[in-house]
Amino acid sequence: VLTVRRLDIREVIQKTRFGNIDLLPANMSLIRANMDVMMDSQ
């Protein structure tokens, strides 16, 4: 979501076992994503 241009967030949001709770997940790739965002001045 933070690094890919024109990404539809609905492609990333996951359903959970609770009907009214959806989740936008994270993992260790967020370390690299933070660096990539900081380096992207465009």
PDB file of all heavy atoms in Angstrom:
ATOM      1  N   VAL A   1       0.833  -1.203   0.000  1.00  0.00           N
ATOM      2  CA  VAL A   1       0.000   0.000   0.000  1.00  0.00           C
ATOM      3  C   VAL A   1       0.870   1.256   0.000  1.00  0.00           C
ATOM      4  O   VAL A   1       0.555   2.243  -0.669  1.00  0.00           O
ATOM      5  CB  VAL A   1      -0.943  -0.002   1.224  1.00  0.00           C
ATOM      6  CG1 VAL A   1      -1.700   1.318   1.342  1.00  0.00           C
ATOM      7  CG2 VAL A   1      -1.925  -1.168   1.133  1.00  0.00           C
ATOM      8  N   LEU A   2       1.971   1.216   0.735  1.00  0.00           N
ATOM      9  CA  LEU A   2       2.827   2.389   0.865  1.00  0.00           C
ATOM     10  C   LEU A   2       3.766   2.585  -0.320  1.00  0.00           C
ATOM     11  O   LEU A   2       4.228   3.706  -0.560  1.00  0.00           O
ATOM     12  CB  LEU A   2       3.656   2.285   2.142  1.00  0.00           C
ATOM     13  CG  LEU A   2       2.878   2.342   3.461  1.00  0.00           C
ATOM     14  CD1 LEU A   2       3.813   2.067   4.635  1.00  0.00           C
ATOM     15  CD2 LEU A   2       2.185   3.681   3.641  1.00  0.00           C
ATOM     16  N   THR A   3       4.038   1.527  -1.062  1.00  0.00           N
ATOM     17  CA  THR A   3       5.095   1.629  -2.076  1.00  0.00           C
ATOM     18  C   THR A   3       4.625   1.436  -3.515  1.00  0.00           C
ATOM     19  O   THR A   3       5.295   1.908  -4.439  1.00  0.00           O
ATOM     20  CB  THR A   3       6.215   0.601  -1.798  1.00  0.00           C
ATOM     21  OG1 THR A   3       5.663  -0.724  -1.795  1.00  0.00           O
ATOM     22  CG2 THR A   3       6.877   0.881  -0.456  1.00  0.00           C
ATOM     23  N   VAL A   4       3.522   0.738  -3.734  1.00  0.00           N
ATOM     24  CA  VAL A   4       3.083   0.429  -5.100  1.00  0.00           C
ATOM     25  C   VAL A   4       2.120   1.512  -5.594  1.00  0.00           C
ATOM     26  O   VAL A   4       1.105   1.791  -4.951  1.00  0.00           O
ATOM     27  CB  VAL A   4       2.406  -0.958  -5.168  1.00  0.00           C
ATOM     28  CG1 VAL A   4       1.910  -1.245  -6.578  1.00  0.00           C
ATOM     29  CG2 VAL A   4       3.381  -2.041  -4.706  1.00  0.00           C
ATOM     30  N   ARG A   5       2.423   2.095  -6.717  1.00  0.00           N
ATOM     31  CA  ARG A   5       1.584   3.151  -7.282  1.00  0.00           C
ATOM     32  C   ARG A   5       0.227   2.595  -7.719  1.00  0.00           C
ATOM     33  O   ARG A   5       0.149   1.515  -8.298  1.00  0.00           O
ATOM     34  CB  ARG A   5       2.265   3.795  -8.494  1.00  0.00           C
ATOM     35  CG  ARG A   5       3.458   4.678  -8.155  1.00  0.00           C
ATOM     36  CD  ARG A   5       4.069   5.221  -9.423  1.00  0.00           C
ATOM     37  NE  ARG A   5       5.189   6.110  -9.138  1.00  0.00           N
ATOM     38  CZ  ARG A   5       5.078   7.428  -8.994  1.00  0.00           C
ATOM     39  NH1 ARG A   5       3.886   7.997  -9.124  1.00  0.00           N
ATOM     40  NH2 ARG A   5       6.134   8.179  -8.757  1.00  0.00           N
ATOM     41  N   ARG A   6      -0.793   3.367  -7.438  1.00  0.00           N
ATOM     42  CA  ARG A   6      -2.166   3.081  -7.890  1.00  0.00           C
ATOM     43  C   ARG A   6      -2.654   1.691  -7.476  1.00  0.00           C
ATOM     44  O   ARG A   6      -3.460   1.074  -8.160  1.00  0.00           O
ATOM     45  CB  ARG A   6      -2.278   3.256  -9.409  1.00  0.00           C
ATOM     46  CG  ARG A   6      -2.138   4.710  -9.846  1.00  0.00           C
ATOM     47  CD  ARG A   6      -2.256   4.864 -11.353  1.00  0.00           C
ATOM     48  NE  ARG A   6      -1.077   4.319 -12.039  1.00  0.00           N
ATOM     49  CZ  ARG A   6       0.049   4.992 -12.204  1.00  0.00           C
ATOM     50  NH1 ARG A   6       0.165   6.219 -11.746  1.00  0.00           N
ATOM     51  NH2 ARG A   6       1.069   4.435 -12.841  1.00  0.00           N
ATOM     52  N   LEU A   7      -2.173   1.203  -6.363  1.00  0.00           N
ATOM     53  CA  LEU A   7      -2.663  -0.081  -5.853  1.00  0.00           C
ATOM     54  C   LEU A   7      -4.019   0.122  -5.192  1.00  0.00           C
ATOM     55  O   LEU A   7      -4.200   1.034  -4.379  1.00  0.00           O
ATOM     56  CB  LEU A   7      -1.680  -0.650  -4.827  1.00  0.00           C
ATOM     57  CG  LEU A   7      -2.093  -1.953  -4.135  1.00  0.00           C
ATOM     58  CD1 LEU A   7      -2.148  -3.097  -5.145  1.00  0.00           C
ATOM     59  CD2 LEU A   7      -1.129  -2.298  -3.010  1.00  0.00           C
ATOM     60  N   ASP A   8      -4.976  -0.712  -5.529  1.00  0.00           N
ATOM     61  CA  ASP A   8      -6.294  -0.659  -4.904  1.00  0.00           C
ATOM     62  C   ASP A   8      -6.207  -1.362  -3.546  1.00  0.00           C
ATOM     63  O   ASP A   8      -5.918  -2.561  -3.478  1.00  0.00           O
ATOM     64  CB  ASP A   8      -7.333  -1.351  -5.789  1.00  0.00           C
ATOM     65  CG  ASP A   8      -8.758  -1.159  -5.279  1.00  0.00           C
ATOM     66  OD1 ASP A   8      -8.947  -0.864  -4.084  1.00  0.00           O
ATOM     67  OD2 ASP A   8      -9.690  -1.322  -6.095  1.00  0.00           O
ATOM     68  N   ILE A   9      -6.455  -0.617  -2.473  1.00  0.00           N
ATOM     69  CA  ILE A   9      -6.311  -1.176  -1.125  1.00  0.00           C
ATOM     70  C   ILE A   9      -7.231  -2.367  -0.895  1.00  0.00           C
ATOM     71  O   ILE A   9      -6.954  -3.234  -0.062  1.00  0.00           O
ATOM     72  CB  ILE A   9      -6.555  -0.072  -0.061  1.00  0.00           C
ATOM     73  CG1 ILE A   9      -5.992  -0.489   1.301  1.00  0.00           C
ATOM     74  CG2 ILE A   9      -8.039   0.270   0.031  1.00  0.00           C
ATOM     75  CD1 ILE A   9      -6.033   0.615   2.332  1.00  0.00           C
ATOM     76  N   ARG A  10      -8.300  -2.455  -1.675  1.00  0.00           N
ATOM     77  CA  ARG A  10      -9.222  -3.586  -1.535  1.00  0.00           C
ATOM     78  C   ARG A  10      -8.564  -4.903  -1.930  1.00  0.00           C
ATOM     79  O   ARG A  10      -9.044  -5.978  -1.555  1.00  0.00           O
ATOM     80  CB  ARG A  10     -10.482  -3.326  -2.345  1.00  0.00           C
ATOM     81  CG  ARG A  10     -11.408  -2.298  -1.689  1.00  0.00           C
ATOM     82  CD  ARG A  10     -12.473  -1.781  -2.613  1.00  0.00           C
ATOM     83  NE  ARG A  10     -11.912  -0.847  -3.588  1.00  0.00           N
ATOM     84  CZ  ARG A  10     -12.609   0.129  -4.170  1.00  0.00           C
ATOM     85  NH1 ARG A  10     -13.879   0.304  -3.869  1.00  0.00           N
ATOM     86  NH2 ARG A  10     -12.034   0.917  -5.054  1.00  0.00           N
ATOM     87  N   GLU A  11      -7.463  -4.830  -2.677  1.00  0.00           N
ATOM     88  CA  GLU A  11      -6.714  -6.034  -3.028  1.00  0.00           C
ATOM     89  C   GLU A  11      -5.882  -6.539  -1.852  1.00  0.00           C
ATOM     90  O   GLU A  11      -5.395  -7.674  -1.872  1.00  0.00           O
ATOM     91  CB  GLU A  11      -5.783  -5.754  -4.211  1.00  0.00           C
ATOM     92  CG  GLU A  11      -6.483  -5.357  -5.500  1.00  0.00           C
ATOM     93  CD  GLU A  11      -5.470  -5.043  -6.588  1.00  0.00           C
ATOM     94  OE1 GLU A  11      -4.299  -5.450  -6.451  1.00  0.00           O
ATOM     95  OE2 GLU A  11      -5.844  -4.370  -7.573  1.00  0.00           O
ATOM     96  N   VAL A  12      -5.703  -5.699  -0.847  1.00  0.00           N
ATOM     97  CA  VAL A  12      -4.816  -6.017   0.267  1.00  0.00           C
ATOM     98  C   VAL A  12      -5.592  -6.355   1.534  1.00  0.00           C
ATOM     99  O   VAL A  12      -5.161  -7.185   2.338  1.00  0.00           O
ATOM    100  CB  VAL A  12      -3.861  -4.830   0.543  1.00  0.00           C
ATOM    101  CG1 VAL A  12      -2.807  -5.211   1.567  1.00  0.00           C
ATOM    102  CG2 VAL A  12      -3.210  -4.355  -0.754  1.00  0.00           C
ATOM    103  N   ILE A  13      -6.744  -5.740   1.731  1.00  0.00           N
ATOM    104  CA  ILE A  13      -7.551  -5.961   2.929  1.00  0.00           C
ATOM    105  C   ILE A  13      -8.018  -7.408   2.991  1.00  0.00           C
ATOM    106  O   ILE A  13      -8.520  -7.963   2.007  1.00  0.00           O
ATOM    107  CB  ILE A  13      -8.753  -4.998   2.952  1.00  0.00           C
ATOM    108  CG1 ILE A  13      -8.261  -3.552   3.135  1.00  0.00           C
ATOM    109  CG2 ILE A  13      -9.736  -5.374   4.061  1.00  0.00           C
ATOM    110  CD1 ILE A  13      -9.352  -2.511   2.957  1.00  0.00           C
ATOM    111  N   GLN A  14      -7.862  -8.009   4.170  1.00  0.00           N
ATOM    112  CA  GLN A  14      -8.239  -9.407   4.374  1.00  0.00           C
ATOM    113  C   GLN A  14      -9.471  -9.506   5.277  1.00  0.00           C
ATOM    114  O   GLN A  14      -9.620  -8.739   6.223  1.00  0.00           O
ATOM    115  CB  GLN A  14      -7.082 -10.169   5.034  1.00  0.00           C
ATOM    116  CG  GLN A  14      -5.802 -10.185   4.236  1.00  0.00           C
ATOM    117  CD  GLN A  14      -5.884 -11.072   3.019  1.00  0.00           C
ATOM    118  OE1 GLN A  14      -6.472 -12.164   3.065  1.00  0.00           O
ATOM    119  NE2 GLN A  14      -5.301 -10.622   1.919  1.00  0.00           N
ATOM    120  N   LYS A  15     -10.324 -10.464   4.981  1.00  0.00           N
ATOM    121  CA  LYS A  15     -11.429 -10.787   5.874  1.00  0.00           C
ATOM    122  C   LYS A  15     -10.892 -11.561   7.079  1.00  0.00           C
ATOM    123  O   LYS A  15      -9.874 -12.245   6.997  1.00  0.00           O
ATOM    124  CB  LYS A  15     -12.477 -11.640   5.156  1.00  0.00           C
ATOM    125  CG  LYS A  15     -13.171 -10.942   4.002  1.00  0.00           C
ATOM    126  CD  LYS A  15     -14.076  -9.840   4.497  1.00  0.00           C
ATOM    127  CE  LYS A  15     -14.842  -9.186   3.356  1.00  0.00           C
ATOM    128  NZ  LYS A  15     -15.681  -8.058   3.841  1.00  0.00           N
ATOM    129  N   THR A  16     -11.571 -11.430   8.212  1.00  0.00           N
ATOM    130  CA  THR A  16     -11.218 -12.222   9.391  1.00  0.00           C
ATOM    131  C   THR A  16     -12.410 -13.104   9.765  1.00  0.00           C
ATOM    132  O   THR A  16     -13.477 -13.021   9.161  1.00  0.00           O
ATOM    133  CB  THR A  16     -10.857 -11.322  10.586  1.00  0.00           C
ATOM    134  OG1 THR A  16     -12.057 -10.720  11.113  1.00  0.00           O
ATOM    135  CG2 THR A  16      -9.872 -10.231  10.176  1.00  0.00           C
ATOM    136  N   ARG A  17     -12.216 -13.938  10.770  1.00  0.00           N
ATOM    137  CA  ARG A  17     -13.314 -14.809  11.202  1.00  0.00           C
ATOM    138  C   ARG A  17     -14.442 -14.038  11.868  1.00  0.00           C
ATOM    139  O   ARG A  17     -15.512 -14.587  12.120  1.00  0.00           O
ATOM    140  CB  ARG A  17     -12.801 -15.907  12.133  1.00  0.00           C
ATOM    141  CG  ARG A  17     -12.188 -15.424  13.442  1.00  0.00           C
ATOM    142  CD  ARG A  17     -11.540 -16.582  14.191  1.00  0.00           C
ATOM    143  NE  ARG A  17     -10.871 -16.172  15.416  1.00  0.00           N
ATOM    144  CZ  ARG A  17     -11.451 -16.088  16.600  1.00  0.00           C
ATOM    145  NH1 ARG A  17     -12.750 -16.372  16.714  1.00  0.00           N
ATOM    146  NH2 ARG A  17     -10.775 -15.726  17.664  1.00  0.00           N
ATOM    147  N   PHE A  18     -14.176 -12.765  12.173  1.00  0.00           N
ATOM    148  CA  PHE A  18     -15.226 -11.898  12.705  1.00  0.00           C
ATOM    149  C   PHE A  18     -15.832 -11.134  11.530  1.00  0.00           C
ATOM    150  O   PHE A  18     -15.133 -10.391  10.835  1.00  0.00           O
ATOM    151  CB  PHE A  18     -14.651 -10.926  13.742  1.00  0.00           C
ATOM    152  CG  PHE A  18     -14.044 -11.619  14.928  1.00  0.00           C
ATOM    153  CD1 PHE A  18     -12.678 -11.834  14.998  1.00  0.00           C
ATOM    154  CD2 PHE A  18     -14.839 -12.070  15.967  1.00  0.00           C
ATOM    155  CE1 PHE A  18     -12.110 -12.474  16.093  1.00  0.00           C
ATOM    156  CE2 PHE A  18     -14.292 -12.712  17.060  1.00  0.00           C
ATOM    157  CZ  PHE A  18     -12.923 -12.918  17.118  1.00  0.00           C
ATOM    158  N   GLY A  19     -17.117 -11.296  11.330  1.00  0.00           N
ATOM    159  CA  GLY A  19     -17.759 -10.786  10.130  1.00  0.00           C
ATOM    160  C   GLY A  19     -17.569  -9.309   9.867  1.00  0.00           C
ATOM    161  O   GLY A  19     -17.455  -8.886   8.709  1.00  0.00           O
ATOM    162  N   ASN A  20     -17.525  -8.497  10.921  1.00  0.00           N
ATOM    163  CA  ASN A  20     -17.441  -7.052  10.736  1.00  0.00           C
ATOM    164  C   ASN A  20     -16.051  -6.483  10.994  1.00  0.00           C
ATOM    165  O   ASN A  20     -15.886  -5.274  11.119  1.00  0.00           O
ATOM    166  CB  ASN A  20     -18.450  -6.338  11.644  1.00  0.00           C
ATOM    167  CG  ASN A  20     -19.857  -6.401  11.068  1.00  0.00           C
ATOM    168  OD1 ASN A  20     -20.039  -6.547   9.866  1.00  0.00           O
ATOM    169  ND2 ASN A  20     -20.852  -6.311  11.933  1.00  0.00           N
ATOM    170  N   ILE A  21     -15.032  -7.360  11.085  1.00  0.00           N
ATOM    171  CA  ILE A  21     -13.651  -6.893  11.228  1.00  0.00           C
ATOM    172  C   ILE A  21     -12.858  -7.333  10.011  1.00  0.00           C
ATOM    173  O   ILE A  21     -12.705  -8.532   9.749  1.00  0.00           O
ATOM    174  CB  ILE A  21     -12.969  -7.436  12.497  1.00  0.00           C
ATOM    175  CG1 ILE A  21     -13.721  -7.019  13.757  1.00  0.00           C
ATOM    176  CG2 ILE A  21     -11.516  -6.941  12.565  1.00  0.00           C
ATOM    177  CD1 ILE A  21     -13.122  -7.570  15.044  1.00  0.00           C
ATOM    178  N   ASP A  22     -12.358  -6.368   9.244  1.00  0.00           N
ATOM    179  CA  ASP A  22     -11.407  -6.636   8.181  1.00  0.00           C
ATOM    180  C   ASP A  22     -10.044  -6.132   8.636  1.00  0.00           C
ATOM    181  O   ASP A  22      -9.945  -5.285   9.531  1.00  0.00           O
ATOM    182  CB  ASP A  22     -11.815  -5.931   6.884  1.00  0.00           C
ATOM    183  CG  ASP A  22     -13.076  -6.528   6.274  1.00  0.00           C
ATOM    184  OD1 ASP A  22     -13.485  -7.632   6.694  1.00  0.00           O
ATOM    185  OD2 ASP A  22     -13.652  -5.877   5.377  1.00  0.00           O
ATOM    186  N   LEU A  23      -8.996  -6.650   8.003  1.00  0.00           N
ATOM    187  CA  LEU A  23      -7.656  -6.310   8.470  1.00  0.00           C
ATOM    188  C   LEU A  23      -6.714  -6.046   7.299  1.00  0.00           C
ATOM    189  O   LEU A  23      -6.698  -6.790   6.321  1.00  0.00           O
ATOM    190  CB  LEU A  23      -7.109  -7.446   9.345  1.00  0.00           C
ATOM    191  CG  LEU A  23      -5.904  -7.078  10.211  1.00  0.00           C
ATOM    192  CD1 LEU A  23      -5.983  -7.764  11.566  1.00  0.00           C
ATOM    193  CD2 LEU A  23      -4.593  -7.443   9.530  1.00  0.00           C
ATOM    194  N   LEU A  24      -5.964  -4.976   7.430  1.00  0.00           N
ATOM    195  CA  LEU A  24      -4.881  -4.669   6.501  1.00  0.00           C
ATOM    196  C   LEU A  24      -3.598  -5.165   7.156  1.00  0.00           C
ATOM    197  O   LEU A  24      -3.129  -4.577   8.133  1.00  0.00           O
ATOM    198  CB  LEU A  24      -4.823  -3.161   6.244  1.00  0.00           C
ATOM    199  CG  LEU A  24      -3.756  -2.645   5.285  1.00  0.00           C
ATOM    200  CD1 LEU A  24      -3.943  -3.247   3.901  1.00  0.00           C
ATOM    201  CD2 LEU A  24      -3.816  -1.127   5.199  1.00  0.00           C
ATOM    202  N   PRO A  25      -3.013  -6.252   6.676  1.00  0.00           N
ATOM    203  CA  PRO A  25      -1.932  -6.919   7.401  1.00  0.00           C
ATOM    204  C   PRO A  25      -0.564  -6.267   7.199  1.00  0.00           C
ATOM    205  O   PRO A  25      -0.359  -5.445   6.297  1.00  0.00           O
ATOM    206  CB  PRO A  25      -1.946  -8.330   6.809  1.00  0.00           C
ATOM    207  CG  PRO A  25      -2.459  -8.139   5.411  1.00  0.00           C
ATOM    208  CD  PRO A  25      -3.445  -7.004   5.491  1.00  0.00           C
ATOM    209  N   ALA A  26       0.369  -6.679   8.054  1.00  0.00           N
ATOM    210  CA  ALA A  26       1.757  -6.225   7.959  1.00  0.00           C
ATOM    211  C   ALA A  26       2.685  -7.391   8.264  1.00  0.00           C
ATOM    212  O   ALA A  26       2.284  -8.381   8.881  1.00  0.00           O
ATOM    213  CB  ALA A  26       2.022  -5.070   8.922  1.00  0.00           C
ATOM    214  N   ASN A  27       3.933  -7.244   7.840  1.00  0.00           N
ATOM    215  CA  ASN A  27       4.971  -8.215   8.154  1.00  0.00           C
ATOM    216  C   ASN A  27       6.323  -7.510   8.105  1.00  0.00           C
ATOM    217  O   ASN A  27       6.383  -6.280   7.994  1.00  0.00           O
ATOM    218  CB  ASN A  27       4.917  -9.426   7.206  1.00  0.00           C
ATOM    219  CG  ASN A  27       4.969  -9.002   5.745  1.00  0.00           C
ATOM    220  OD1 ASN A  27       5.794  -8.172   5.352  1.00  0.00           O
ATOM    221  ND2 ASN A  27       4.086  -9.567   4.923  1.00  0.00           N
ATOM    222  N   MET A  28       7.401  -8.268   8.179  1.00  0.00           N
ATOM    223  CA  MET A  28       8.733  -7.678   8.269  1.00  0.00           C
ATOM    224  C   MET A  28       9.125  -6.880   7.015  1.00  0.00           C
ATOM    225  O   MET A  28      10.082  -6.095   7.052  1.00  0.00           O
ATOM    226  CB  MET A  28       9.769  -8.766   8.535  1.00  0.00           C
ATOM    227  CG  MET A  28       9.754  -9.278   9.963  1.00  0.00           C
ATOM    228  SD  MET A  28      10.358  -8.032  11.135  1.00  0.00           S
ATOM    229  CE  MET A  28      10.126  -8.911  12.697  1.00  0.00           C
ATOM    230  N   SER A  29       8.405  -7.058   5.932  1.00  0.00           N
ATOM    231  CA  SER A  29       8.701  -6.273   4.729  1.00  0.00           C
ATOM    232  C   SER A  29       8.459  -4.783   4.956  1.00  0.00           C
ATOM    233  O   SER A  29       8.901  -3.950   4.153  1.00  0.00           O
ATOM    234  CB  SER A  29       7.862  -6.759   3.548  1.00  0.00           C
ATOM    235  OG  SER A  29       6.480  -6.486   3.753  1.00  0.00           O
ATOM    236  N   LEU A  30       7.797  -4.436   6.056  1.00  0.00           N
ATOM    237  CA  LEU A  30       7.542  -3.036   6.361  1.00  0.00           C
ATOM    238  C   LEU A  30       8.853  -2.283   6.638  1.00  0.00           C
ATOM    239  O   LEU A  30       8.920  -1.065   6.453  1.00  0.00           O
ATOM    240  CB  LEU A  30       6.594  -2.934   7.557  1.00  0.00           C
ATOM    241  CG  LEU A  30       5.910  -1.590   7.812  1.00  0.00           C
ATOM    242  CD1 LEU A  30       5.160  -1.090   6.595  1.00  0.00           C
ATOM    243  CD2 LEU A  30       4.956  -1.710   9.007  1.00  0.00           C
ATOM    244  N   ILE A  31       9.886  -3.000   7.074  1.00  0.00           N
ATOM    245  CA  ILE A  31      11.192  -2.355   7.282  1.00  0.00           C
ATOM    246  C   ILE A  31      11.690  -1.776   5.964  1.00  0.00           C
ATOM    247  O   ILE A  31      12.076  -0.602   5.876  1.00  0.00           O
ATOM    248  CB  ILE A  31      12.218  -3.360   7.844  1.00  0.00           C
ATOM    249  CG1 ILE A  31      11.768  -3.910   9.194  1.00  0.00           C
ATOM    250  CG2 ILE A  31      13.594  -2.709   7.968  1.00  0.00           C
ATOM    251  CD1 ILE A  31      12.647  -5.035   9.711  1.00  0.00           C
ATOM    252  N   ARG A  32      11.677  -2.594   4.923  1.00  0.00           N
ATOM    253  CA  ARG A  32      12.135  -2.155   3.614  1.00  0.00           C
ATOM    254  C   ARG A  32      11.206  -1.095   3.036  1.00  0.00           C
ATOM    255  O   ARG A  32      11.665  -0.123   2.410  1.00  0.00           O
ATOM    256  CB  ARG A  32      12.216  -3.359   2.674  1.00  0.00           C
ATOM    257  CG  ARG A  32      12.674  -3.008   1.261  1.00  0.00           C
ATOM    258  CD  ARG A  32      14.116  -2.569   1.230  1.00  0.00           C
ATOM    259  NE  ARG A  32      14.481  -2.061  -0.083  1.00  0.00           N
ATOM    260  CZ  ARG A  32      15.711  -1.663  -0.399  1.00  0.00           C
ATOM    261  NH1 ARG A  32      16.677  -1.712   0.520  1.00  0.00           N
ATOM    262  NH2 ARG A  32      15.977  -1.217  -1.599  1.00  0.00           N
ATOM    263  N   ALA A  33       9.916  -1.263   3.260  1.00  0.00           N
ATOM    264  CA  ALA A  33       8.954  -0.299   2.719  1.00  0.00           C
ATOM    265  C   ALA A  33       9.194   1.100   3.284  1.00  0.00           C
ATOM    266  O   ALA A  33       9.114   2.097   2.549  1.00  0.00           O
ATOM    267  CB  ALA A  33       7.531  -0.756   3.020  1.00  0.00           C
ATOM    268  N   ASN A  34       9.489   1.186   4.568  1.00  0.00           N
ATOM    269  CA  ASN A  34       9.778   2.488   5.168  1.00  0.00           C
ATOM    270  C   ASN A  34      10.986   3.143   4.508  1.00  0.00           C
ATOM    271  O   ASN A  34      10.990   4.345   4.239  1.00  0.00           O
ATOM    272  CB  ASN A  34      10.013   2.343   6.671  1.00  0.00           C
ATOM    273  CG  ASN A  34       8.729   2.415   7.480  1.00  0.00           C
ATOM    274  OD1 ASN A  34       8.161   3.477   7.650  1.00  0.00           O
ATOM    275  ND2 ASN A  34       8.277   1.274   7.962  1.00  0.00           N
ATOM    276  N   MET A  35      11.999   2.356   4.224  1.00  0.00           N
ATOM    277  CA  MET A  35      13.180   2.887   3.542  1.00  0.00           C
ATOM    278  C   MET A  35      12.845   3.326   2.127  1.00  0.00           C
ATOM    279  O   MET A  35      13.280   4.392   1.668  1.00  0.00           O
ATOM    280  CB  MET A  35      14.290   1.823   3.534  1.00  0.00           C
ATOM    281  CG  MET A  35      14.797   1.428   4.900  1.00  0.00           C
ATOM    282  SD  MET A  35      15.949   0.035   4.847  1.00  0.00           S
ATOM    283  CE  MET A  35      17.235   0.686   3.784  1.00  0.00           C
ATOM    284  N   ASP A  36      12.053   2.515   1.426  1.00  0.00           N
ATOM    285  CA  ASP A  36      11.705   2.839   0.043  1.00  0.00           C
ATOM    286  C   ASP A  36      10.893   4.126  -0.048  1.00  0.00           C
ATOM    287  O   ASP A  36      11.097   4.937  -0.961  1.00  0.00           O
ATOM    288  CB  ASP A  36      10.922   1.685  -0.587  1.00  0.00           C
ATOM    289  CG  ASP A  36      11.789   0.457  -0.839  1.00  0.00           C
ATOM    290  OD1 ASP A  36      13.033   0.592  -0.803  1.00  0.00           O
ATOM    291  OD2 ASP A  36      11.232  -0.633  -1.063  1.00  0.00           O
ATOM    292  N   VAL A  37       9.967   4.303   0.888  1.00  0.00           N
ATOM    293  CA  VAL A  37       9.155   5.526   0.880  1.00  0.00           C
ATOM    294  C   VAL A  37      10.039   6.746   1.101  1.00  0.00           C
ATOM    295  O   VAL A  37       9.895   7.773   0.420  1.00  0.00           O
ATOM    296  CB  VAL A  37       8.042   5.449   1.948  1.00  0.00           C
ATOM    297  CG1 VAL A  37       7.313   6.790   2.061  1.00  0.00           C
ATOM    298  CG2 VAL A  37       7.041   4.346   1.607  1.00  0.00           C
ATOM    299  N   MET A  38      10.960   6.643   2.046  1.00  0.00           N
ATOM    300  CA  MET A  38      11.842   7.767   2.336  1.00  0.00           C
ATOM    301  C   MET A  38      12.745   8.116   1.151  1.00  0.00           C
ATOM    302  O   MET A  38      13.111   9.279   0.946  1.00  0.00           O
ATOM    303  CB  MET A  38      12.701   7.453   3.560  1.00  0.00           C
ATOM    304  CG  MET A  38      11.925   7.403   4.863  1.00  0.00           C
ATOM    305  SD  MET A  38      11.161   8.985   5.286  1.00  0.00           S
ATOM    306  CE  MET A  38      12.603  10.008   5.543  1.00  0.00           C
ATOM    307  N   MET A  39      13.083   7.137   0.345  1.00  0.00           N
ATOM    308  CA  MET A  39      13.961   7.370  -0.797  1.00  0.00           C
ATOM    309  C   MET A  39      13.205   7.821  -2.045  1.00  0.00           C
ATOM    310  O   MET A  39      13.814   8.290  -3.006  1.00  0.00           O
ATOM    311  CB  MET A  39      14.748   6.086  -1.109  1.00  0.00           C
ATOM    312  CG  MET A  39      15.718   5.676  -0.008  1.00  0.00           C
ATOM    313  SD  MET A  39      16.493   4.071  -0.318  1.00  0.00           S
ATOM    314  CE  MET A  39      17.415   4.413  -1.813  1.00  0.00           C
ATOM    315  N   ASP A  40      11.897   7.683  -2.025  1.00  0.00           N
ATOM    316  CA  ASP A  40      11.073   8.034  -3.187  1.00  0.00           C
ATOM    317  C   ASP A  40      10.606   9.478  -3.067  1.00  0.00           C
ATOM    318  O   ASP A  40       9.650   9.782  -2.361  1.00  0.00           O
ATOM    319  CB  ASP A  40       9.877   7.088  -3.271  1.00  0.00           C
ATOM    320  CG  ASP A  40       8.977   7.382  -4.461  1.00  0.00           C
ATOM    321  OD1 ASP A  40       9.342   8.244  -5.298  1.00  0.00           O
ATOM    322  OD2 ASP A  40       7.907   6.754  -4.565  1.00  0.00           O
ATOM    323  N   SER A  41      11.267  10.356  -3.775  1.00  0.00           N
ATOM    324  CA  SER A  41      10.915  11.783  -3.742  1.00  0.00           C
ATOM    325  C   SER A  41      10.005  12.186  -4.899  1.00  0.00           C
ATOM    326  O   SER A  41       9.710  13.362  -5.084  1.00  0.00           O
ATOM    327  CB  SER A  41      12.186  12.633  -3.765  1.00  0.00           C
ATOM    328  OG  SER A  41      12.932  12.373  -4.948  1.00  0.00           O
ATOM    329  N   GLN A  42       9.543  11.206  -5.664  1.00  0.00           N
ATOM    330  CA  GLN A  42       8.726  11.505  -6.836  1.00  0.00           C
ATOM    331  C   GLN A  42       7.258  11.756  -6.497  1.00  0.00           C
ATOM    332  O   GLN A  42       6.529  12.332  -7.303  1.00  0.00           O
ATOM    333  CB  GLN A  42       8.814  10.345  -7.838  1.00  0.00           C
ATOM    334  CG  GLN A  42      10.228  10.090  -8.341  1.00  0.00           C
ATOM    335  CD  GLN A  42      10.812  11.300  -9.036  1.00  0.00           C
ATOM    336  OE1 GLN A  42      10.195  11.879  -9.927  1.00  0.00           O
ATOM    337  NE2 GLN A  42      12.006  11.704  -8.602  1.00  0.00           N
TER     338      GLN A  42
END
